[in-house]
C-alpha atoms as a PDB file:
ATOM      1  CA  MET A   1     -34.872-151.548   2.797  1.00  0.00           C
ATOM      2  CA  GLN A   2     -34.295-148.127   1.821  1.00  0.00           C
ATOM      3  CA  SER A   3     -33.485-146.979   5.210  1.00  0.00           C
ATOM      4  CA  GLN A   4     -30.822-149.670   5.276  1.00  0.00           C
ATOM      5  CA  ALA A   5     -29.527-148.462   1.919  1.00  0.00           C
ATOM      6  CA  PHE A   6     -29.348-144.723   3.498  1.00  0.00           C
ATOM      7  CA  GLU A   7     -27.610-146.295   6.467  1.00  0.00           C
ATOM      8  CA  THR A   8     -25.089-147.994   4.304  1.00  0.00           C
ATOM      9  CA  LEU A   9     -24.186-144.773   2.556  1.00  0.00           C
ATOM     10  CA  GLY A  10     -24.005-142.983   5.718  1.00  0.00           C
ATOM     11  CA  ILE A  11     -26.727-140.401   4.860  1.00  0.00           C
ATOM     12  CA  GLU A  12     -29.989-139.096   6.122  1.00  0.00           C
ATOM     13  CA  PRO A  13     -32.908-140.346   4.001  1.00  0.00           C
ATOM     14  CA  THR A  14     -33.462-137.941   1.086  1.00  0.00           C
ATOM     15  CA  ILE A  15     -34.677-138.108  -2.514  1.00  0.00           C
ATOM     16  CA  ASP A  16     -31.870-135.739  -3.442  1.00  0.00           C
ATOM     17  CA  GLY A  17     -29.762-137.551  -6.264  1.00  0.00           C
ATOM     18  CA  ARG A  18     -26.823-135.382  -5.909  1.00  0.00           C
ATOM     19  CA  ALA A  19     -26.600-136.089  -2.256  1.00  0.00           C
ATOM     20  CA  ILE A  20     -27.011-139.865  -2.749  1.00  0.00           C
ATOM     21  CA  ARG A  21     -24.224-139.776  -5.508  1.00  0.00           C
ATOM     22  CA  ALA A  22     -22.030-137.603  -3.481  1.00  0.00           C
ATOM     23  CA  ALA A  23     -22.232-140.118  -0.610  1.00  0.00           C
ATOM     24  CA  PHE A  24     -21.614-143.196  -2.921  1.00  0.00           C
ATOM     25  CA  VAL A  25     -18.666-141.366  -4.530  1.00  0.00           C
ATOM     26  CA  ARG A  26     -17.024-140.620  -0.976  1.00  0.00           C
ATOM     27  CA  LEU A  27     -17.442-144.416  -0.166  1.00  0.00           C
ATOM     28  CA  ALA A  28     -15.990-145.434  -3.609  1.00  0.00           C
ATOM     29  CA  ARG A  29     -12.782-143.319  -2.908  1.00  0.00           C
ATOM     30  CA  ILE A  30     -12.216-144.972   0.306  1.00  0.00           C
ATOM     31  CA  TYR A  31     -13.191-148.706  -0.456  1.00  0.00           C
ATOM     32  CA  HIS A  32     -12.045-149.011  -4.060  1.00  0.00           C
ATOM     33  CA  PRO A  33     -10.392-152.378  -4.587  1.00  0.00           C
ATOM     34  CA  ASP A  34      -7.607-150.636  -6.549  1.00  0.00           C
ATOM     35  CA  ARG A  35      -6.543-148.715  -3.411  1.00  0.00           C
ATOM     36  CA  PHE A  36      -5.996-152.128  -1.295  1.00  0.00           C
ATOM     37  CA  ALA A  37      -3.933-153.967  -4.199  1.00  0.00           C
ATOM     38  CA  GLY A  38      -0.711-154.456  -1.779  1.00  0.00           C
ATOM     39  CA  GLN A  39      -2.856-155.271   1.278  1.00  0.00           C
ATOM     40  CA  PRO A  40      -3.361-158.749   2.684  1.00  0.00           C
ATOM     41  CA  PRO A  41      -6.280-160.800   1.449  1.00  0.00           C
ATOM     42  CA  ASP A  42      -8.554-160.075   4.408  1.00  0.00           C
ATOM     43  CA  VAL A  43      -8.234-156.276   4.177  1.00  0.00           C
ATOM     44  CA  ARG A  44      -8.902-156.436   0.367  1.00  0.00           C
ATOM     45  CA  SER A  45     -12.063-158.928   0.739  1.00  0.00           C
ATOM     46  CA  GLU A  46     -13.453-156.541   3.699  1.00  0.00           C
ATOM     47  CA  ALA A  47     -12.917-153.504   1.216  1.00  0.00           C
ATOM     48  CA  GLU A  48     -14.435-155.322  -1.747  1.00  0.00           C
ATOM     49  CA  ARG A  49     -17.607-156.264   0.375  1.00  0.00           C
ATOM     50  CA  ARG A  50     -17.933-152.736   1.647  1.00  0.00           C
ATOM     51  CA  MET A  51     -18.007-151.469  -1.937  1.00  0.00           C
ATOM     52  CA  LYS A  52     -20.362-153.970  -3.033  1.00  0.00           C
ATOM     53  CA  GLU A  53     -22.829-152.991  -0.390  1.00  0.00           C
ATOM     54  CA  ALA A  54     -22.408-149.327  -1.212  1.00  0.00           C
ATOM     55  CA  ALA A  55     -22.783-150.057  -4.967  1.00  0.00           C
ATOM     56  CA  ALA A  56     -26.164-151.946  -4.164  1.00  0.00           C
ATOM     57  CA  ALA A  57     -27.314-149.166  -1.902  1.00  0.00           C
ATOM     58  CA  TYR A  58     -26.651-146.545  -4.474  1.00  0.00           C
ATOM     59  CA  GLU A  59     -28.323-148.594  -7.418  1.00  0.00           C
ATOM     60  CA  LEU A  60     -31.412-149.297  -5.134  1.00  0.00           C
ATOM     61  CA  LEU A  61     -31.831-145.624  -4.274  1.00  0.00           C
ATOM     62  CA  ARG A  62     -31.202-144.451  -7.882  1.00  0.00           C
ATOM     63  CA  ALA A  63     -33.771-146.937  -9.273  1.00  0.00           C
ATOM     64  CA  THR A  64     -36.214-145.794  -6.401  1.00  0.00           C
ATOM     65  CA  ASN A  65     -35.751-142.074  -7.385  1.00  0.00           C
ATOM     66  CA  LYS A  66     -36.088-142.826 -11.100  1.00  0.00           C
ATOM     67  CA  THR A  67     -39.528-144.471 -10.589  1.00  0.00           C
ATOM     68  CA  LEU A  68     -40.421-141.564  -8.522  1.00  0.00           C
ATOM     69  CA  LEU A  69     -39.490-139.085 -11.086  1.00  0.00           C
ATOM     70  CA  GLN A  70     -41.469-140.974 -13.629  1.00  0.00           C
ATOM     71  CA  GLY A  71     -44.542-140.803 -11.354  1.00  0.00           C
ATOM     72  CA  HIS A  72     -44.789-144.314 -10.272  1.00  0.00           C
ATOM     73  CA  THR A  73     -44.740-144.990  -6.748  1.00  0.00           C
ATOM     74  CA  VAL A  74     -42.529-147.425  -4.686  1.00  0.00           C
ATOM     75  CA  PHE A  75     -45.102-148.122  -2.089  1.00  0.00           C
ATOM     76  CA  ASN A  76     -47.805-150.623  -2.540  1.00  0.00           C
ATOM     77  CA  ASP A  77     -50.999-148.831  -3.463  1.00  0.00           C
ATOM     78  CA  LYS A  78     -52.891-150.800  -0.861  1.00  0.00           C
ATOM     79  CA  ASP A  79     -50.925-149.731   2.025  1.00  0.00           C
ATOM     80  CA  ILE A  80     -51.331-146.052   1.026  1.00  0.00           C
ATOM     81  CA  GLN A  81     -54.914-146.631   0.720  1.00  0.00           C
ATOM     82  CA  ASP A  82     -55.143-148.350   4.115  1.00  0.00           C
ATOM     83  CA  ARG A  83     -53.256-145.638   5.887  1.00  0.00           C
ATOM     84  CA  ALA A  84     -55.239-143.142   4.204  1.00  0.00           C
ATOM     85  CA  ARG A  85     -58.624-144.829   5.255  1.00  0.00           C
ATOM     86  CA  LYS A  86     -57.366-145.045   8.760  1.00  0.00           C
ATOM     87  CA  TYR A  87     -56.283-141.339   8.747  1.00  0.00           C
ATOM     88  CA  ARG A  88     -59.944-140.305   7.612  1.00  0.00           C
ATOM     89  CA  ASP A  89     -61.628-142.546  10.187  1.00  0.00           C
ATOM     90  CA  ALA A  90     -59.555-141.005  12.961  1.00  0.00           C
ATOM     91  CA  ALA A  91     -60.190-137.546  11.575  1.00  0.00           C
ATOM     92  CA  GLU A  92     -63.890-138.150  11.363  1.00  0.00           C
ATOM     93  CA  ALA A  93     -64.108-139.691  14.858  1.00  0.00           C
ATOM     94  CA  ARG A  94     -62.226-136.548  16.199  1.00  0.00           C
ATOM     95  CA  GLN A  95     -64.614-134.263  14.545  1.00  0.00           C
ATOM     96  CA  ARG A  96     -67.796-136.040  15.869  1.00  0.00           C
ATOM     97  CA  GLU A  97     -66.398-136.052  19.426  1.00  0.00           C
ATOM     98  CA  GLU A  98     -65.753-132.165  19.028  1.00  0.00           C
ATOM     99  CA  GLU A  99     -69.348-131.731  17.665  1.00  0.00           C
ATOM    100  CA  LYS A 100     -70.636-133.719  20.573  1.00  0.00           C
ATOM    101  CA  ASN A 101     -68.786-131.793  23.094  1.00  0.00           C
ATOM    102  CA  ARG A 102     -69.752-128.421  21.391  1.00  0.00           C
ATOM    103  CA  ALA A 103     -73.298-129.378  21.663  1.00  0.00           C
ATOM    104  CA  ARG A 104     -73.191-130.662  25.149  1.00  0.00           C
ATOM    105  CA  TRP A 105     -71.502-127.230  26.049  1.00  0.00           C
ATOM    106  CA  LEU A 106     -74.114-125.262  24.222  1.00  0.00           C
ATOM    107  CA  ARG A 107     -76.930-126.981  26.403  1.00  0.00           C
ATOM    108  CA  TRP A 108     -75.019-126.298  29.524  1.00  0.00           C
ATOM    109  CA  GLU A 109     -74.818-122.565  28.708  1.00  0.00           C
ATOM    110  CA  ALA A 110     -78.650-122.626  27.838  1.00  0.00           C
ATOM    111  CA  ILE A 111     -79.475-124.111  31.106  1.00  0.00           C
ATOM    112  CA  GLU A 112     -77.224-121.864  33.276  1.00  0.00           C
ATOM    113  CA  LEU A 113     -78.930-118.974  31.408  1.00  0.00           C
ATOM    114  CA  ALA A 114     -82.379-120.183  32.029  1.00  0.00           C
ATOM    115  CA  ALA A 115     -81.341-120.679  35.505  1.00  0.00           C
ATOM    116  CA  ARG A 116     -79.937-117.228  36.012  1.00  0.00           C
ATOM    117  CA  GLU A 117     -83.060-115.590  34.576  1.00  0.00           C
ATOM    118  CA  ARG A 118     -85.176-117.601  36.486  1.00  0.00           C
ATOM    119  CA  ALA A 119     -83.379-116.603  39.878  1.00  0.00           C
ATOM    120  CA  GLU A 120     -83.601-112.836  38.676  1.00  0.00           C
ATOM    121  CA  ALA A 121     -87.350-113.232  38.077  1.00  0.00           C
ATOM    122  CA  GLU A 122     -87.887-114.872  41.431  1.00  0.00           C
ATOM    123  CA  SER A 123     -85.680-112.229  43.189  1.00  0.00           C
ATOM    124  CA  ALA A 124     -87.663-109.529  41.473  1.00  0.00           C
ATOM    125  CA  LEU A 125     -91.043-111.249  42.495  1.00  0.00           C
ATOM    126  CA  ALA A 126     -89.888-111.599  46.077  1.00  0.00           C
ATOM    127  CA  ALA A 127     -88.785-107.884  46.356  1.00  0.00           C
ATOM    128  CA  ALA A 128     -92.338-106.956  44.983  1.00  0.00           C
ATOM    129  CA  ALA A 129     -93.962-109.208  47.315  1.00  0.00           C
ATOM    130  CA  MET A 130     -92.066-107.587  50.251  1.00  0.00           C
ATOM    131  CA  GLY A 131     -93.281-104.184  49.316  1.00  0.00           C
ATOM    132  CA  LYS A 132     -89.999-102.807  48.514  1.00  0.00           C
ATOM    133  CA  ASP A 133     -89.515-100.325  45.968  1.00  0.00           C
ATOM    134  CA  ASP A 134     -85.856-100.906  45.315  1.00  0.00           C
ATOM    135  CA  VAL A 135     -85.615-104.563  43.455  1.00  0.00           C
ATOM    136  CA  VAL A 136     -82.635-106.621  44.593  1.00  0.00           C
ATOM    137  CA  TYR A 137     -80.707-107.715  41.691  1.00  0.00           C
ATOM    138  CA  VAL A 138     -77.393-109.648  41.688  1.00  0.00           C
ATOM    139  CA  ALA A 139     -75.741-109.359  38.235  1.00  0.00           C
ATOM    140  CA  PRO A 140     -74.308-112.522  36.917  1.00  0.00           C
ATOM    141  CA  ALA A 141     -70.553-113.020  37.008  1.00  0.00           C
ATOM    142  CA  ALA A 142     -68.894-111.207  34.076  1.00  0.00           C
ATOM    143  CA  SER A 143     -66.893-114.181  33.309  1.00  0.00           C
ATOM    144  CA  ARG A 144     -66.693-117.499  34.282  1.00  0.00           C
ATOM    145  CA  HIS A 145     -63.281-117.089  36.088  1.00  0.00           C
ATOM    146  CA  GLU A 146     -64.708-114.268  38.218  1.00  0.00           C
ATOM    147  CA  PRO A 147     -66.393-115.768  41.579  1.00  0.00           C
ATOM    148  CA  PRO A 148     -70.151-114.933  41.658  1.00  0.00           C
ATOM    149  CA  ARG A 149     -70.970-112.187  44.190  1.00  0.00           C
ATOM    150  CA  GLN A 150     -72.681-113.114  47.281  1.00  0.00           C
ATOM    151  CA  LEU A 151     -76.062-112.440  48.485  1.00  0.00           C
ATOM    152  CA  PRO A 152     -76.865-110.864  51.759  1.00  0.00           C
ATOM    153  CA  SER A 153     -77.780-113.000  54.677  1.00  0.00           C
ATOM    154  CA  ARG A 154     -81.331-112.038  54.460  1.00  0.00           C
ATOM    155  CA  THR A 155     -82.354-112.882  51.021  1.00  0.00           C
ATOM    156  CA  PRO A 156     -85.538-111.924  49.261  1.00  0.00           C
ATOM    157  CA  SER A 157     -86.834-115.652  49.458  1.00  0.00           C
ATOM    158  CA  SER A 158     -86.343-115.585  53.163  1.00  0.00           C
ATOM    159  CA  GLY A 159     -88.300-112.194  53.625  1.00  0.00           C
ATOM    160  CA  LEU A 160     -91.280-113.715  51.543  1.00  0.00           C
ATOM    161  CA  GLN A 161     -91.312-116.730  53.879  1.00  0.00           C
ATOM    162  CA  GLN A 162     -91.333-114.324  56.813  1.00  0.00           C
ATOM    163  CA  ARG A 163     -94.421-112.572  55.278  1.00  0.00           C
ATOM    164  CA  ILE A 164     -96.170-115.680  54.516  1.00  0.00           C
ATOM    165  CA  GLU A 165     -95.684-116.791  57.957  1.00  0.00           C
ATOM    166  CA  ALA A 166     -96.920-113.257  59.377  1.00  0.00           C
ATOM    167  CA  ALA A 167     -99.943-113.222  57.282  1.00  0.00           C
ATOM    168  CA  ARG A 168    -100.773-116.796  58.581  1.00  0.00           C
ATOM    169  CA  ARG A 169    -100.425-115.531  62.328  1.00  0.00           C
ATOM    170  CA  LYS A 170    -102.799-112.658  61.491  1.00  0.00           C
ATOM    171  CA  GLU A 171    -105.379-115.020  59.991  1.00  0.00           C
ATOM    172  CA  LYS A 172    -105.180-117.248  63.244  1.00  0.00           C
ATOM    173  CA  GLU A 173    -105.554-114.305  65.286  1.00  0.00           C
ATOM    174  CA  ALA A 174    -108.398-112.815  63.285  1.00  0.00           C
ATOM    175  CA  ALA A 175    -110.157-116.144  63.449  1.00  0.00           C
ATOM    176  CA  ALA A 176    -109.682-116.247  67.264  1.00  0.00           C
ATOM    177  CA  ASP A 177    -110.990-112.641  67.562  1.00  0.00           C
ATOM    178  CA  LYS A 178    -114.134-113.544  65.834  1.00  0.00           C
ATOM    179  CA  GLY A 179    -115.162-115.563  68.715  1.00  0.00           C
ATOM    180  CA  PRO A 180    -115.583-119.289  69.815  1.00  0.00           C
ATOM    181  CA  THR A 181    -117.089-121.522  66.984  1.00  0.00           C
ATOM    182  CA  ALA A 182    -118.620-124.705  67.089  1.00  0.00           C
ATOM    183  CA  THR A 183    -115.192-126.787  67.201  1.00  0.00           C
ATOM    184  CA  PRO A 184    -114.764-129.656  69.606  1.00  0.00           C
ATOM    185  CA  ASP A 185    -111.833-127.978  71.223  1.00  0.00           C
ATOM    186  CA  SER A 186    -113.408-124.540  71.632  1.00  0.00           C
ATOM    187  CA  ALA A 187    -116.606-126.189  73.063  1.00  0.00           C
ATOM    188  CA  ASP A 188    -114.472-127.758  75.933  1.00  0.00           C
ATOM    189  CA  ASP A 189    -112.981-124.353  76.634  1.00  0.00           C
ATOM    190  CA  VAL A 190    -116.544-122.711  76.887  1.00  0.00           C
ATOM    191  CA  LYS A 191    -117.567-125.286  79.395  1.00  0.00           C
ATOM    192  CA  ARG A 192    -114.636-124.846  81.523  1.00  0.00           C
ATOM    193  CA  ALA A 193    -115.041-121.226  81.539  1.00  0.00           C
END
């Protein structure tokens, strides 16, 4: 209703009483019935109609401004309360979502840190098991945007695996060097020899 009144006066919505009055005075100078005294009846009736619309719009906006200045609201309090409640609900939902995302990222960073520390410890353990004095250590990437450094093709874990396999071979050779034992396979070998 107010937007229609502003449209009738030809101005943007405002609470400035001077701007509203100036717009009304401008229209009154154009459409006042005294200016159309010698014109045909249809022109006079159109000017009179426009003048009445401008006067009604001006009175509505003036009354609205007066109530605003007195501290009363033009809007229904229930509408304002509903809008405020919806806004609060939306803000709380956004805040809950942000907290949930923040907690998820903190958990993820803790998991990444634990995995990085575990990999460093395994690397140091493997290097120590290989008997190397210099410990292989690959520093984590300085930032998330920097690609991680590549390990050489022979990683400490593959070296460890090779040492384990070599130890097993030595155990088998040592068992074979001790001589034949009472196993069914070795008994057959003794008879054939």
